Amino acid sequence: MYQGGLTFSINKSFGNLQLVPEANGLRVHYVPIINGVETPDNLGYLNLLLPLDAVGGLWATTRAFLYGVES
């Protein structure tokens, strides 16, 4: 979906997830896959821009969860 710059993508049989850094934050773009076909008009589709302030908190919470400590 997005061109240029650095993106992080995870492709699985049930959906495609892209994390795209933008000037205003981090874009989370998820497209579910139904019967082998991307279906952006189906339940589960997400195109969300997380503000920069939220990204830092999300990063701290994720690291705390992975290391098994409190954030």
PDB file of N, CA and C in Angstrom:
ATOM      1  N   MET A   1       0.826  -1.201   0.000  1.00  0.00           N
ATOM      2  CA  MET A   1       0.000   0.000   0.000  1.00  0.00           C
ATOM      3  C   MET A   1       0.864   1.257   0.000  1.00  0.00           C
ATOM      4  N   TYR A   2       1.924   1.300   0.794  1.00  0.00           N
ATOM      5  CA  TYR A   2       2.726   2.501   0.923  1.00  0.00           C
ATOM      6  C   TYR A   2       4.018   2.348   0.144  1.00  0.00           C
ATOM      7  N   GLN A   3       4.451   3.397  -0.473  1.00  0.00           N
ATOM      8  CA  GLN A   3       5.673   3.377  -1.278  1.00  0.00           C
ATOM      9  C   GLN A   3       6.736   4.252  -0.639  1.00  0.00           C
ATOM     10  N   GLY A   4       8.001   3.839  -0.782  1.00  0.00           N
ATOM     11  CA  GLY A   4       9.104   4.656  -0.304  1.00  0.00           C
ATOM     12  C   GLY A   4       9.290   4.575   1.193  1.00  0.00           C
ATOM     13  N   GLY A   5      10.478   4.923   1.652  1.00  0.00           N
ATOM     14  CA  GLY A   5      10.757   4.918   3.078  1.00  0.00           C
ATOM     15  C   GLY A   5      10.896   3.515   3.642  1.00  0.00           C
ATOM     16  N   LEU A   6      11.046   3.437   4.930  1.00  0.00           N
ATOM     17  CA  LEU A   6      11.226   2.184   5.636  1.00  0.00           C
ATOM     18  C   LEU A   6       9.890   1.710   6.184  1.00  0.00           C
ATOM     19  N   THR A   7       9.506   0.481   5.873  1.00  0.00           N
ATOM     20  CA  THR A   7       8.294  -0.094   6.434  1.00  0.00           C
ATOM     21  C   THR A   7       8.619  -1.454   7.025  1.00  0.00           C
ATOM     22  N   PHE A   8       7.800  -1.913   7.933  1.00  0.00           N
ATOM     23  CA  PHE A   8       7.924  -3.226   8.528  1.00  0.00           C
ATOM     24  C   PHE A   8       6.672  -3.983   8.161  1.00  0.00           C
ATOM     25  N   SER A   9       6.825  -5.149   7.541  1.00  0.00           N
ATOM     26  CA  SER A   9       5.670  -5.923   7.089  1.00  0.00           C
ATOM     27  C   SER A   9       5.694  -7.329   7.660  1.00  0.00           C
ATOM     28  N   ILE A  10       4.517  -7.818   8.031  1.00  0.00           N
ATOM     29  CA  ILE A  10       4.327  -9.211   8.426  1.00  0.00           C
ATOM     30  C   ILE A  10       3.196  -9.746   7.554  1.00  0.00           C
ATOM     31  N   ASN A  11       3.480 -10.792   6.805  1.00  0.00           N
ATOM     32  CA  ASN A  11       2.475 -11.419   5.952  1.00  0.00           C
ATOM     33  C   ASN A  11       2.214 -12.829   6.463  1.00  0.00           C
ATOM     34  N   LYS A  12       0.970 -13.106   6.785  1.00  0.00           N
ATOM     35  CA  LYS A  12       0.544 -14.428   7.246  1.00  0.00           C
ATOM     36  C   LYS A  12      -0.652 -14.864   6.417  1.00  0.00           C
ATOM     37  N   SER A  13      -1.061 -16.101   6.592  1.00  0.00           N
ATOM     38  CA  SER A  13      -2.188 -16.616   5.803  1.00  0.00           C
ATOM     39  C   SER A  13      -3.498 -15.914   6.148  1.00  0.00           C
ATOM     40  N   PHE A  14      -3.588 -15.304   7.344  1.00  0.00           N
ATOM     41  CA  PHE A  14      -4.824 -14.657   7.775  1.00  0.00           C
ATOM     42  C   PHE A  14      -4.830 -13.141   7.582  1.00  0.00           C
ATOM     43  N   GLY A  15      -3.658 -12.523   7.230  1.00  0.00           N
ATOM     44  CA  GLY A  15      -3.647 -11.085   7.016  1.00  0.00           C
ATOM     45  C   GLY A  15      -2.253 -10.522   6.805  1.00  0.00           C
ATOM     46  N   ASN A  16      -2.219  -9.272   6.383  1.00  0.00           N
ATOM     47  CA  ASN A  16      -0.977  -8.531   6.161  1.00  0.00           C
ATOM     48  C   ASN A  16      -0.965  -7.310   7.080  1.00  0.00           C
ATOM     49  N   LEU A  17       0.158  -7.135   7.779  1.00  0.00           N
ATOM     50  CA  LEU A  17       0.320  -5.995   8.678  1.00  0.00           C
ATOM     51  C   LEU A  17       1.511  -5.183   8.207  1.00  0.00           C
ATOM     52  N   GLN A  18       1.328  -3.869   8.093  1.00  0.00           N
ATOM     53  CA  GLN A  18       2.417  -2.953   7.772  1.00  0.00           C
ATOM     54  C   GLN A  18       2.509  -1.902   8.866  1.00  0.00           C
ATOM     55  N   LEU A  19       3.742  -1.624   9.305  1.00  0.00           N
ATOM     56  CA  LEU A  19       4.016  -0.525  10.220  1.00  0.00           C
ATOM     57  C   LEU A  19       4.851   0.478   9.447  1.00  0.00           C
ATOM     58  N   VAL A  20       4.319   1.681   9.306  1.00  0.00           N
ATOM     59  CA  VAL A  20       4.951   2.689   8.458  1.00  0.00           C
ATOM     60  C   VAL A  20       5.187   3.959   9.271  1.00  0.00           C
ATOM     61  N   PRO A  21       6.456   4.336   9.496  1.00  0.00           N
ATOM     62  CA  PRO A  21       6.707   5.600  10.187  1.00  0.00           C
ATOM     63  C   PRO A  21       6.349   6.786   9.299  1.00  0.00           C
ATOM     64  N   GLU A  22       5.681   7.755   9.888  1.00  0.00           N
ATOM     65  CA  GLU A  22       5.302   8.980   9.181  1.00  0.00           C
ATOM     66  C   GLU A  22       5.717  10.168  10.039  1.00  0.00           C
ATOM     67  N   ALA A  23       5.631  11.349   9.488  1.00  0.00           N
ATOM     68  CA  ALA A  23       6.037  12.564  10.202  1.00  0.00           C
ATOM     69  C   ALA A  23       5.217  12.771  11.483  1.00  0.00           C
ATOM     70  N   ASN A  24       3.954  12.393  11.476  1.00  0.00           N
ATOM     71  CA  ASN A  24       3.074  12.624  12.621  1.00  0.00           C
ATOM     72  C   ASN A  24       2.957  11.436  13.565  1.00  0.00           C
ATOM     73  N   GLY A  25       3.555  10.299  13.224  1.00  0.00           N
ATOM     74  CA  GLY A  25       3.437   9.128  14.085  1.00  0.00           C
ATOM     75  C   GLY A  25       3.732   7.843  13.339  1.00  0.00           C
ATOM     76  N   LEU A  26       3.122   6.765  13.794  1.00  0.00           N
ATOM     77  CA  LEU A  26       3.317   5.446  13.207  1.00  0.00           C
ATOM     78  C   LEU A  26       1.997   4.947  12.640  1.00  0.00           C
ATOM     79  N   ARG A  27       1.976   4.657  11.346  1.00  0.00           N
ATOM     80  CA  ARG A  27       0.771   4.139  10.713  1.00  0.00           C
ATOM     81  C   ARG A  27       0.748   2.626  10.846  1.00  0.00           C
ATOM     82  N   VAL A  28      -0.379   2.109  11.333  1.00  0.00           N
ATOM     83  CA  VAL A  28      -0.624   0.673  11.438  1.00  0.00           C
ATOM     84  C   VAL A  28      -1.678   0.333  10.388  1.00  0.00           C
ATOM     85  N   HIS A  29      -1.296  -0.506   9.447  1.00  0.00           N
ATOM     86  CA  HIS A  29      -2.200  -0.847   8.348  1.00  0.00           C
ATOM     87  C   HIS A  29      -2.327  -2.367   8.294  1.00  0.00           C
ATOM     88  N   TYR A  30      -3.536  -2.879   8.573  1.00  0.00           N
ATOM     89  CA  TYR A  30      -3.788  -4.320   8.567  1.00  0.00           C
ATOM     90  C   TYR A  30      -4.906  -4.643   7.584  1.00  0.00           C
ATOM     91  N   VAL A  31      -4.643  -5.617   6.722  1.00  0.00           N
ATOM     92  CA  VAL A  31      -5.649  -6.077   5.755  1.00  0.00           C
ATOM     93  C   VAL A  31      -5.856  -7.570   5.984  1.00  0.00           C
ATOM     94  N   PRO A  32      -7.082  -7.993   6.364  1.00  0.00           N
ATOM     95  CA  PRO A  32      -7.331  -9.416   6.547  1.00  0.00           C
ATOM     96  C   PRO A  32      -7.324 -10.165   5.209  1.00  0.00           C
ATOM     97  N   ILE A  33      -6.965 -11.437   5.271  1.00  0.00           N
ATOM     98  CA  ILE A  33      -6.991 -12.300   4.092  1.00  0.00           C
ATOM     99  C   ILE A  33      -8.063 -13.362   4.307  1.00  0.00           C
ATOM    100  N   ILE A  34      -9.018 -13.418   3.399  1.00  0.00           N
ATOM    101  CA  ILE A  34     -10.092 -14.403   3.445  1.00  0.00           C
ATOM    102  C   ILE A  34     -10.002 -15.263   2.193  1.00  0.00           C
ATOM    103  N   ASN A  35      -9.897 -16.559   2.375  1.00  0.00           N
ATOM    104  CA  ASN A  35      -9.781 -17.507   1.259  1.00  0.00           C
ATOM    105  C   ASN A  35      -8.647 -17.129   0.305  1.00  0.00           C
ATOM    106  N   GLY A  36      -7.520 -16.697   0.875  1.00  0.00           N
ATOM    107  CA  GLY A  36      -6.343 -16.390   0.077  1.00  0.00           C
ATOM    108  C   GLY A  36      -6.356 -15.046  -0.626  1.00  0.00           C
ATOM    109  N   VAL A  37      -7.358 -14.203  -0.338  1.00  0.00           N
ATOM    110  CA  VAL A  37      -7.485 -12.912  -1.020  1.00  0.00           C
ATOM    111  C   VAL A  37      -7.547 -11.798   0.022  1.00  0.00           C
ATOM    112  N   GLU A  38      -6.739 -10.730  -0.191  1.00  0.00           N
ATOM    113  CA  GLU A  38      -6.832  -9.556   0.684  1.00  0.00           C
ATOM    114  C   GLU A  38      -8.213  -8.941   0.555  1.00  0.00           C
ATOM    115  N   THR A  39      -8.853  -8.668   1.701  1.00  0.00           N
ATOM    116  CA  THR A  39     -10.218  -8.126   1.696  1.00  0.00           C
ATOM    117  C   THR A  39     -10.298  -6.890   2.590  1.00  0.00           C
ATOM    118  N   PRO A  40      -9.907  -5.719   2.066  1.00  0.00           N
ATOM    119  CA  PRO A  40      -9.946  -4.504   2.879  1.00  0.00           C
ATOM    120  C   PRO A  40     -11.357  -4.062   3.259  1.00  0.00           C
ATOM    121  N   ASP A  41     -12.387  -4.595   2.588  1.00  0.00           N
ATOM    122  CA  ASP A  41     -13.760  -4.218   2.921  1.00  0.00           C
ATOM    123  C   ASP A  41     -14.367  -5.155   3.956  1.00  0.00           C
ATOM    124  N   ASN A  42     -13.566  -6.074   4.509  1.00  0.00           N
ATOM    125  CA  ASN A  42     -14.054  -7.047   5.471  1.00  0.00           C
ATOM    126  C   ASN A  42     -13.759  -6.604   6.898  1.00  0.00           C
ATOM    127  N   LEU A  43     -14.430  -7.243   7.849  1.00  0.00           N
ATOM    128  CA  LEU A  43     -14.230  -6.978   9.264  1.00  0.00           C
ATOM    129  C   LEU A  43     -12.774  -7.249   9.645  1.00  0.00           C
ATOM    130  N   GLY A  44     -12.157  -6.368  10.391  1.00  0.00           N
ATOM    131  CA  GLY A  44     -10.775  -6.518  10.821  1.00  0.00           C
ATOM    132  C   GLY A  44      -9.820  -5.559  10.130  1.00  0.00           C
ATOM    133  N   TYR A  45     -10.241  -4.934   9.027  1.00  0.00           N
ATOM    134  CA  TYR A  45      -9.397  -3.969   8.320  1.00  0.00           C
ATOM    135  C   TYR A  45      -9.077  -2.806   9.252  1.00  0.00           C
ATOM    136  N   LEU A  46      -7.821  -2.371   9.243  1.00  0.00           N
ATOM    137  CA  LEU A  46      -7.405  -1.271  10.109  1.00  0.00           C
ATOM    138  C   LEU A  46      -6.406  -0.386   9.383  1.00  0.00           C
ATOM    139  N   ASN A  47      -6.633   0.902   9.412  1.00  0.00           N
ATOM    140  CA  ASN A  47      -5.699   1.901   8.900  1.00  0.00           C
ATOM    141  C   ASN A  47      -5.683   3.020   9.933  1.00  0.00           C
ATOM    142  N   LEU A  48      -4.704   2.960  10.844  1.00  0.00           N
ATOM    143  CA  LEU A  48      -4.688   3.827  12.013  1.00  0.00           C
ATOM    144  C   LEU A  48      -3.353   4.537  12.119  1.00  0.00           C
ATOM    145  N   LEU A  49      -3.388   5.819  12.411  1.00  0.00           N
ATOM    146  CA  LEU A  49      -2.172   6.596  12.654  1.00  0.00           C
ATOM    147  C   LEU A  49      -2.048   6.822  14.153  1.00  0.00           C
ATOM    148  N   LEU A  50      -1.012   6.215  14.762  1.00  0.00           N
ATOM    149  CA  LEU A  50      -0.735   6.428  16.177  1.00  0.00           C
ATOM    150  C   LEU A  50       0.123   7.682  16.310  1.00  0.00           C
ATOM    151  N   PRO A  51      -0.283   8.658  17.133  1.00  0.00           N
ATOM    152  CA  PRO A  51       0.516   9.868  17.314  1.00  0.00           C
ATOM    153  C   PRO A  51       1.876   9.531  17.940  1.00  0.00           C
ATOM    154  N   LEU A  52       2.858  10.392  17.712  1.00  0.00           N
ATOM    155  CA  LEU A  52       4.206  10.157  18.234  1.00  0.00           C
ATOM    156  C   LEU A  52       4.215   9.935  19.747  1.00  0.00           C
ATOM    157  N   ASP A  53       3.397  10.679  20.488  1.00  0.00           N
ATOM    158  CA  ASP A  53       3.341  10.522  21.944  1.00  0.00           C
ATOM    159  C   ASP A  53       2.920   9.106  22.335  1.00  0.00           C
ATOM    160  N   ALA A  54       1.987   8.529  21.597  1.00  0.00           N
ATOM    161  CA  ALA A  54       1.497   7.181  21.899  1.00  0.00           C
ATOM    162  C   ALA A  54       2.518   6.113  21.520  1.00  0.00           C
ATOM    163  N   VAL A  55       3.325   6.374  20.508  1.00  0.00           N
ATOM    164  CA  VAL A  55       4.308   5.386  20.056  1.00  0.00           C
ATOM    165  C   VAL A  55       5.338   5.122  21.150  1.00  0.00           C
ATOM    166  N   GLY A  56       5.808   6.151  21.809  1.00  0.00           N
ATOM    167  CA  GLY A  56       6.776   5.972  22.891  1.00  0.00           C
ATOM    168  C   GLY A  56       6.205   5.145  24.032  1.00  0.00           C
ATOM    169  N   GLY A  57       4.977   5.426  24.412  1.00  0.00           N
ATOM    170  CA  GLY A  57       4.325   4.654  25.470  1.00  0.00           C
ATOM    171  C   GLY A  57       4.091   3.217  25.059  1.00  0.00           C
ATOM    172  N   LEU A  58       3.739   3.011  23.822  1.00  0.00           N
ATOM    173  CA  LEU A  58       3.521   1.661  23.301  1.00  0.00           C
ATOM    174  C   LEU A  58       4.832   0.882  23.306  1.00  0.00           C
ATOM    175  N   TRP A  59       5.918   1.542  22.917  1.00  0.00           N
ATOM    176  CA  TRP A  59       7.229   0.896  22.903  1.00  0.00           C
ATOM    177  C   TRP A  59       7.628   0.479  24.321  1.00  0.00           C
ATOM    178  N   ALA A  60       7.453   1.359  25.290  1.00  0.00           N
ATOM    179  CA  ALA A  60       7.812   1.038  26.673  1.00  0.00           C
ATOM    180  C   ALA A  60       6.962  -0.116  27.204  1.00  0.00           C
ATOM    181  N   THR A  61       5.685  -0.110  26.915  1.00  0.00           N
ATOM    182  CA  THR A  61       4.795  -1.168  27.374  1.00  0.00           C
ATOM    183  C   THR A  61       5.143  -2.499  26.717  1.00  0.00           C
ATOM    184  N   THR A  62       5.455  -2.472  25.432  1.00  0.00           N
ATOM    185  CA  THR A  62       5.818  -3.700  24.713  1.00  0.00           C
ATOM    186  C   THR A  62       7.095  -4.296  25.286  1.00  0.00           C
ATOM    187  N   ARG A  63       8.095  -3.472  25.508  1.00  0.00           N
ATOM    188  CA  ARG A  63       9.361  -3.968  26.079  1.00  0.00           C
ATOM    189  C   ARG A  63       9.134  -4.537  27.472  1.00  0.00           C
ATOM    190  N   ALA A  64       8.326  -3.866  28.283  1.00  0.00           N
ATOM    191  CA  ALA A  64       8.051  -4.358  29.626  1.00  0.00           C
ATOM    192  C   ALA A  64       7.343  -5.710  29.570  1.00  0.00           C
ATOM    193  N   PHE A  65       6.391  -5.853  28.666  1.00  0.00           N
ATOM    194  CA  PHE A  65       5.668  -7.123  28.510  1.00  0.00           C
ATOM    195  C   PHE A  65       6.626  -8.230  28.089  1.00  0.00           C
ATOM    196  N   LEU A  66       7.481  -7.951  27.111  1.00  0.00           N
ATOM    197  CA  LEU A  66       8.410  -8.977  26.607  1.00  0.00           C
ATOM    198  C   LEU A  66       9.441  -9.392  27.652  1.00  0.00           C
ATOM    199  N   TYR A  67       9.857  -8.452  28.498  1.00  0.00           N
ATOM    200  CA  TYR A  67      10.850  -8.766  29.520  1.00  0.00           C
ATOM    201  C   TYR A  67      10.205  -9.219  30.830  1.00  0.00           C
ATOM    202  N   GLY A  68       8.869  -9.162  30.911  1.00  0.00           N
ATOM    203  CA  GLY A  68       8.169  -9.618  32.097  1.00  0.00           C
ATOM    204  C   GLY A  68       8.316  -8.697  33.290  1.00  0.00           C
ATOM    205  N   VAL A  69       8.387  -7.388  33.051  1.00  0.00           N
ATOM    206  CA  VAL A  69       8.474  -6.404  34.133  1.00  0.00           C
ATOM    207  C   VAL A  69       7.355  -5.385  33.966  1.00  0.00           C
ATOM    208  N   GLU A  70       7.178  -4.536  34.949  1.00  0.00           N
ATOM    209  CA  GLU A  70       6.154  -3.498  34.847  1.00  0.00           C
ATOM    210  C   GLU A  70       6.730  -2.252  34.194  1.00  0.00           C
ATOM    211  N   SER A  71       5.889  -1.555  33.400  1.00  0.00           N
ATOM    212  CA  SER A  71       6.350  -0.343  32.744  1.00  0.00           C
ATOM    213  C   SER A  71       6.040   0.885  33.590  1.00  0.00           C
TER     214      SER A  71
END
